[in-house]
Amino acid sequence: MQPYSHYMGLKIIHEQIIEEAQNRNRFSSEEQDVHKQNWLQSVGALFAHLNAITAHKPKTATSPSCD
């Protein structure tokens, strides 16, 4: 995946994390457990995208040596 795809993935995951956090307050404890699990999966996906973005960092040119 290209970095742009990872950034878009981050945006979508960020929205999911917010939605799951908001949903935790609206449901019974059993339903909250499901939403907590979804939230944890979203956070895991967030870190996977961050790691992928870091792996795609552009390589910097080496400075010429001064002789």
PDB file of N, CA and C in Angstrom:
ATOM      1  N   MET A   1       0.829  -1.179   0.000  1.00  0.00           N
ATOM      2  CA  MET A   1       0.000   0.000   0.000  1.00  0.00           C
ATOM      3  C   MET A   1       0.877   1.248   0.000  1.00  0.00           C
ATOM      4  N   GLN A   2       0.443   2.254  -0.669  1.00  0.00           N
ATOM      5  CA  GLN A   2       1.161   3.520  -0.702  1.00  0.00           C
ATOM      6  C   GLN A   2       0.813   4.335   0.546  1.00  0.00           C
ATOM      7  N   PRO A   3       1.667   5.281   0.922  1.00  0.00           N
ATOM      8  CA  PRO A   3       1.402   6.081   2.120  1.00  0.00           C
ATOM      9  C   PRO A   3       0.035   6.757   2.111  1.00  0.00           C
ATOM     10  N   TYR A   4      -0.413   7.269   0.954  1.00  0.00           N
ATOM     11  CA  TYR A   4      -1.718   7.934   0.909  1.00  0.00           C
ATOM     12  C   TYR A   4      -2.821   6.981   1.338  1.00  0.00           C
ATOM     13  N   SER A   5      -2.741   5.735   0.903  1.00  0.00           N
ATOM     14  CA  SER A   5      -3.743   4.740   1.287  1.00  0.00           C
ATOM     15  C   SER A   5      -3.733   4.537   2.794  1.00  0.00           C
ATOM     16  N   HIS A   6      -2.552   4.545   3.384  1.00  0.00           N
ATOM     17  CA  HIS A   6      -2.465   4.379   4.832  1.00  0.00           C
ATOM     18  C   HIS A   6      -3.065   5.583   5.551  1.00  0.00           C
ATOM     19  N   TYR A   7      -2.829   6.783   5.023  1.00  0.00           N
ATOM     20  CA  TYR A   7      -3.412   7.968   5.649  1.00  0.00           C
ATOM     21  C   TYR A   7      -4.936   7.926   5.571  1.00  0.00           C
ATOM     22  N   MET A   8      -5.477   7.499   4.444  1.00  0.00           N
ATOM     23  CA  MET A   8      -6.933   7.375   4.325  1.00  0.00           C
ATOM     24  C   MET A   8      -7.439   6.299   5.287  1.00  0.00           C
ATOM     25  N   GLY A   9      -6.688   5.215   5.402  1.00  0.00           N
ATOM     26  CA  GLY A   9      -7.047   4.169   6.357  1.00  0.00           C
ATOM     27  C   GLY A   9      -7.069   4.713   7.774  1.00  0.00           C
ATOM     28  N   LEU A  10      -6.100   5.555   8.109  1.00  0.00           N
ATOM     29  CA  LEU A  10      -6.066   6.163   9.436  1.00  0.00           C
ATOM     30  C   LEU A  10      -7.299   7.016   9.682  1.00  0.00           C
ATOM     31  N   LYS A  11      -7.707   7.765   8.669  1.00  0.00           N
ATOM     32  CA  LYS A  11      -8.884   8.630   8.816  1.00  0.00           C
ATOM     33  C   LYS A  11     -10.126   7.793   9.106  1.00  0.00           C
ATOM     34  N   ILE A  12     -10.297   6.723   8.361  1.00  0.00           N
ATOM     35  CA  ILE A  12     -11.460   5.848   8.548  1.00  0.00           C
ATOM     36  C   ILE A  12     -11.409   5.192   9.923  1.00  0.00           C
ATOM     37  N   ILE A  13     -10.239   4.690  10.301  1.00  0.00           N
ATOM     38  CA  ILE A  13     -10.096   4.033  11.601  1.00  0.00           C
ATOM     39  C   ILE A  13     -10.343   5.030  12.726  1.00  0.00           C
ATOM     40  N   HIS A  14      -9.850   6.254  12.576  1.00  0.00           N
ATOM     41  CA  HIS A  14     -10.071   7.287  13.589  1.00  0.00           C
ATOM     42  C   HIS A  14     -11.566   7.509  13.799  1.00  0.00           C
ATOM     43  N   GLU A  15     -12.324   7.573  12.712  1.00  0.00           N
ATOM     44  CA  GLU A  15     -13.771   7.744  12.811  1.00  0.00           C
ATOM     45  C   GLU A  15     -14.415   6.555  13.519  1.00  0.00           C
ATOM     46  N   GLN A  16     -13.933   5.336  13.229  1.00  0.00           N
ATOM     47  CA  GLN A  16     -14.466   4.142  13.880  1.00  0.00           C
ATOM     48  C   GLN A  16     -14.177   4.163  15.377  1.00  0.00           C
ATOM     49  N   ILE A  17     -12.983   4.591  15.753  1.00  0.00           N
ATOM     50  CA  ILE A  17     -12.615   4.648  17.168  1.00  0.00           C
ATOM     51  C   ILE A  17     -13.526   5.616  17.911  1.00  0.00           C
ATOM     52  N   ILE A  18     -13.768   6.775  17.326  1.00  0.00           N
ATOM     53  CA  ILE A  18     -14.651   7.760  17.954  1.00  0.00           C
ATOM     54  C   ILE A  18     -16.062   7.197  18.079  1.00  0.00           C
ATOM     55  N   GLU A  19     -16.554   6.576  17.011  1.00  0.00           N
ATOM     56  CA  GLU A  19     -17.902   6.011  17.030  1.00  0.00           C
ATOM     57  C   GLU A  19     -18.032   4.931  18.102  1.00  0.00           C
ATOM     58  N   GLU A  20     -17.063   4.042  18.194  1.00  0.00           N
ATOM     59  CA  GLU A  20     -17.117   2.980  19.196  1.00  0.00           C
ATOM     60  C   GLU A  20     -17.049   3.554  20.609  1.00  0.00           C
ATOM     61  N   ALA A  21     -16.237   4.584  20.806  1.00  0.00           N
ATOM     62  CA  ALA A  21     -16.143   5.209  22.128  1.00  0.00           C
ATOM     63  C   ALA A  21     -17.478   5.839  22.516  1.00  0.00           C
ATOM     64  N   GLN A  22     -18.148   6.470  21.564  1.00  0.00           N
ATOM     65  CA  GLN A  22     -19.447   7.071  21.838  1.00  0.00           C
ATOM     66  C   GLN A  22     -20.500   5.997  22.092  1.00  0.00           C
ATOM     67  N   ASN A  23     -20.418   4.886  21.379  1.00  0.00           N
ATOM     68  CA  ASN A  23     -21.398   3.816  21.531  1.00  0.00           C
ATOM     69  C   ASN A  23     -21.299   3.124  22.882  1.00  0.00           C
ATOM     70  N   ARG A  24     -20.133   3.129  23.490  1.00  0.00           N
ATOM     71  CA  ARG A  24     -19.963   2.443  24.767  1.00  0.00           C
ATOM     72  C   ARG A  24     -20.903   2.986  25.829  1.00  0.00           C
ATOM     73  N   ASN A  25     -21.260   4.241  25.747  1.00  0.00           N
ATOM     74  CA  ASN A  25     -22.114   4.847  26.761  1.00  0.00           C
ATOM     75  C   ASN A  25     -23.596   4.623  26.496  1.00  0.00           C
ATOM     76  N   ARG A  26     -23.959   4.091  25.351  1.00  0.00           N
ATOM     77  CA  ARG A  26     -25.365   3.983  24.964  1.00  0.00           C
ATOM     78  C   ARG A  26     -25.973   2.604  25.177  1.00  0.00           C
ATOM     79  N   PHE A  27     -25.158   1.589  25.439  1.00  0.00           N
ATOM     80  CA  PHE A  27     -25.657   0.229  25.412  1.00  0.00           C
ATOM     81  C   PHE A  27     -25.468  -0.484  26.740  1.00  0.00           C
ATOM     82  N   SER A  28     -26.119  -1.642  26.869  1.00  0.00           N
ATOM     83  CA  SER A  28     -25.982  -2.473  28.064  1.00  0.00           C
ATOM     84  C   SER A  28     -24.544  -2.964  28.193  1.00  0.00           C
ATOM     85  N   SER A  29     -24.219  -3.525  29.335  1.00  0.00           N
ATOM     86  CA  SER A  29     -22.833  -3.951  29.571  1.00  0.00           C
ATOM     87  C   SER A  29     -22.388  -5.021  28.580  1.00  0.00           C
ATOM     88  N   GLU A  30     -23.277  -5.937  28.187  1.00  0.00           N
ATOM     89  CA  GLU A  30     -22.905  -6.966  27.206  1.00  0.00           C
ATOM     90  C   GLU A  30     -22.610  -6.330  25.851  1.00  0.00           C
ATOM     91  N   GLU A  31     -23.451  -5.397  25.448  1.00  0.00           N
ATOM     92  CA  GLU A  31     -23.229  -4.708  24.177  1.00  0.00           C
ATOM     93  C   GLU A  31     -21.980  -3.828  24.256  1.00  0.00           C
ATOM     94  N   GLN A  32     -21.726  -3.262  25.437  1.00  0.00           N
ATOM     95  CA  GLN A  32     -20.525  -2.450  25.610  1.00  0.00           C
ATOM     96  C   GLN A  32     -19.272  -3.287  25.415  1.00  0.00           C
ATOM     97  N   ASP A  33     -19.316  -4.551  25.858  1.00  0.00           N
ATOM     98  CA  ASP A  33     -18.167  -5.438  25.669  1.00  0.00           C
ATOM     99  C   ASP A  33     -17.864  -5.625  24.187  1.00  0.00           C
ATOM    100  N   VAL A  34     -18.923  -5.772  23.381  1.00  0.00           N
ATOM    101  CA  VAL A  34     -18.741  -5.925  21.932  1.00  0.00           C
ATOM    102  C   VAL A  34     -18.127  -4.649  21.357  1.00  0.00           C
ATOM    103  N   HIS A  35     -18.640  -3.508  21.771  1.00  0.00           N
ATOM    104  CA  HIS A  35     -18.112  -2.239  21.266  1.00  0.00           C
ATOM    105  C   HIS A  35     -16.672  -2.017  21.729  1.00  0.00           C
ATOM    106  N   LYS A  36     -16.362  -2.449  22.954  1.00  0.00           N
ATOM    107  CA  LYS A  36     -14.982  -2.328  23.439  1.00  0.00           C
ATOM    108  C   LYS A  36     -14.053  -3.182  22.585  1.00  0.00           C
ATOM    109  N   GLN A  37     -14.488  -4.392  22.247  1.00  0.00           N
ATOM    110  CA  GLN A  37     -13.674  -5.267  21.400  1.00  0.00           C
ATOM    111  C   GLN A  37     -13.472  -4.639  20.020  1.00  0.00           C
ATOM    112  N   ASN A  38     -14.537  -4.066  19.456  1.00  0.00           N
ATOM    113  CA  ASN A  38     -14.425  -3.383  18.162  1.00  0.00           C
ATOM    114  C   ASN A  38     -13.451  -2.212  18.254  1.00  0.00           C
ATOM    115  N   TRP A  39     -13.531  -1.482  19.360  1.00  0.00           N
ATOM    116  CA  TRP A  39     -12.650  -0.341  19.565  1.00  0.00           C
ATOM    117  C   TRP A  39     -11.202  -0.804  19.631  1.00  0.00           C
ATOM    118  N   LEU A  40     -10.945  -1.883  20.375  1.00  0.00           N
ATOM    119  CA  LEU A  40      -9.579  -2.406  20.487  1.00  0.00           C
ATOM    120  C   LEU A  40      -9.050  -2.876  19.133  1.00  0.00           C
ATOM    121  N   GLN A  41      -9.912  -3.491  18.330  1.00  0.00           N
ATOM    122  CA  GLN A  41      -9.496  -3.915  16.991  1.00  0.00           C
ATOM    123  C   GLN A  41      -9.160  -2.703  16.127  1.00  0.00           C
ATOM    124  N   SER A  42      -9.949  -1.645  16.253  1.00  0.00           N
ATOM    125  CA  SER A  42      -9.688  -0.423  15.489  1.00  0.00           C
ATOM    126  C   SER A  42      -8.362   0.203  15.903  1.00  0.00           C
ATOM    127  N   VAL A  43      -8.086   0.198  17.205  1.00  0.00           N
ATOM    128  CA  VAL A  43      -6.817   0.745  17.684  1.00  0.00           C
ATOM    129  C   VAL A  43      -5.654  -0.094  17.148  1.00  0.00           C
ATOM    130  N   GLY A  44      -5.821  -1.418  17.134  1.00  0.00           N
ATOM    131  CA  GLY A  44      -4.791  -2.288  16.570  1.00  0.00           C
ATOM    132  C   GLY A  44      -4.557  -1.988  15.100  1.00  0.00           C
ATOM    133  N   ALA A  45      -5.640  -1.767  14.362  1.00  0.00           N
ATOM    134  CA  ALA A  45      -5.525  -1.426  12.938  1.00  0.00           C
ATOM    135  C   ALA A  45      -4.844  -0.072  12.768  1.00  0.00           C
ATOM    136  N   LEU A  46      -5.141   0.854  13.664  1.00  0.00           N
ATOM    137  CA  LEU A  46      -4.509   2.170  13.624  1.00  0.00           C
ATOM    138  C   LEU A  46      -2.991   2.036  13.728  1.00  0.00           C
ATOM    139  N   PHE A  47      -2.535   1.231  14.682  1.00  0.00           N
ATOM    140  CA  PHE A  47      -1.094   1.051  14.842  1.00  0.00           C
ATOM    141  C   PHE A  47      -0.478   0.322  13.654  1.00  0.00           C
ATOM    142  N   ALA A  48      -1.200  -0.591  13.059  1.00  0.00           N
ATOM    143  CA  ALA A  48      -0.690  -1.279  11.868  1.00  0.00           C
ATOM    144  C   ALA A  48      -0.469  -0.279  10.734  1.00  0.00           C
ATOM    145  N   HIS A  49      -1.416   0.647  10.553  1.00  0.00           N
ATOM    146  CA  HIS A  49      -1.267   1.674   9.517  1.00  0.00           C
ATOM    147  C   HIS A  49      -0.110   2.618   9.854  1.00  0.00           C
ATOM    148  N   LEU A  50       0.012   2.993  11.125  1.00  0.00           N
ATOM    149  CA  LEU A  50       1.117   3.872  11.511  1.00  0.00           C
ATOM    150  C   LEU A  50       2.462   3.207  11.247  1.00  0.00           C
ATOM    151  N   ASN A  51       2.566   1.928  11.556  1.00  0.00           N
ATOM    152  CA  ASN A  51       3.806   1.199  11.281  1.00  0.00           C
ATOM    153  C   ASN A  51       4.087   1.147   9.786  1.00  0.00           C
ATOM    154  N   ALA A  52       3.047   0.956   8.987  1.00  0.00           N
ATOM    155  CA  ALA A  52       3.223   0.903   7.536  1.00  0.00           C
ATOM    156  C   ALA A  52       3.663   2.260   6.991  1.00  0.00           C
ATOM    157  N   ILE A  53       3.096   3.331   7.529  1.00  0.00           N
ATOM    158  CA  ILE A  53       3.487   4.675   7.089  1.00  0.00           C
ATOM    159  C   ILE A  53       4.952   4.914   7.437  1.00  0.00           C
ATOM    160  N   THR A  54       5.339   4.531   8.626  1.00  0.00           N
ATOM    161  CA  THR A  54       6.727   4.699   9.050  1.00  0.00           C
ATOM    162  C   THR A  54       7.667   3.915   8.144  1.00  0.00           C
ATOM    163  N   ALA A  55       7.250   2.741   7.739  1.00  0.00           N
ATOM    164  CA  ALA A  55       8.081   1.913   6.859  1.00  0.00           C
ATOM    165  C   ALA A  55       8.242   2.546   5.482  1.00  0.00           C
ATOM    166  N   HIS A  56       7.284   3.394   5.078  1.00  0.00           N
ATOM    167  CA  HIS A  56       7.320   4.026   3.755  1.00  0.00           C
ATOM    168  C   HIS A  56       7.966   5.406   3.783  1.00  0.00           C
ATOM    169  N   LYS A  57       8.629   5.756   4.882  1.00  0.00           N
ATOM    170  CA  LYS A  57       9.259   7.078   4.939  1.00  0.00           C
ATOM    171  C   LYS A  57      10.214   7.234   3.761  1.00  0.00           C
ATOM    172  N   PRO A  58      10.165   8.379   3.091  1.00  0.00           N
ATOM    173  CA  PRO A  58      11.079   8.575   1.965  1.00  0.00           C
ATOM    174  C   PRO A  58      12.524   8.572   2.453  1.00  0.00           C
ATOM    175  N   LYS A  59      13.351   7.988   1.666  1.00  0.00           N
ATOM    176  CA  LYS A  59      14.770   7.942   2.014  1.00  0.00           C
ATOM    177  C   LYS A  59      15.384   9.301   1.707  1.00  0.00           C
ATOM    178  N   THR A  60      16.181   9.783   2.629  1.00  0.00           N
ATOM    179  CA  THR A  60      16.833  11.069   2.407  1.00  0.00           C
ATOM    180  C   THR A  60      18.165  10.835   1.715  1.00  0.00           C
ATOM    181  N   ALA A  61      18.517  11.783   0.888  1.00  0.00           N
ATOM    182  CA  ALA A  61      19.797  11.681   0.173  1.00  0.00           C
ATOM    183  C   ALA A  61      20.927  11.883   1.172  1.00  0.00           C
ATOM    184  N   THR A  62      21.978  11.168   0.978  1.00  0.00           N
ATOM    185  CA  THR A  62      23.125  11.331   1.875  1.00  0.00           C
ATOM    186  C   THR A  62      23.862  12.608   1.518  1.00  0.00           C
ATOM    187  N   SER A  63      24.353  13.269   2.529  1.00  0.00           N
ATOM    188  CA  SER A  63      25.100  14.510   2.305  1.00  0.00           C
ATOM    189  C   SER A  63      26.462  14.179   1.717  1.00  0.00           C
ATOM    190  N   PRO A  64      26.919  15.000   0.788  1.00  0.00           N
ATOM    191  CA  PRO A  64      28.261  14.743   0.239  1.00  0.00           C
ATOM    192  C   PRO A  64      29.302  14.960   1.329  1.00  0.00           C
ATOM    193  N   SER A  65      30.296  14.147   1.320  1.00  0.00           N
ATOM    194  CA  SER A  65      31.341  14.285   2.343  1.00  0.00           C
ATOM    195  C   SER A  65      32.251  15.457   1.994  1.00  0.00           C
ATOM    196  N   CYS A  66      32.714  16.126   3.017  1.00  0.00           N
ATOM    197  CA  CYS A  66      33.640  17.248   2.816  1.00  0.00           C
ATOM    198  C   CYS A  66      35.056  16.711   2.883  1.00  0.00           C
ATOM    199  N   ASP A  67      35.805  16.909   1.837  1.00  0.00           N
ATOM    200  CA  ASP A  67      37.195  16.414   1.809  1.00  0.00           C
ATOM    201  C   ASP A  67      38.156  17.503   2.165  1.00  0.00           C
TER     202      ASP A  67
END
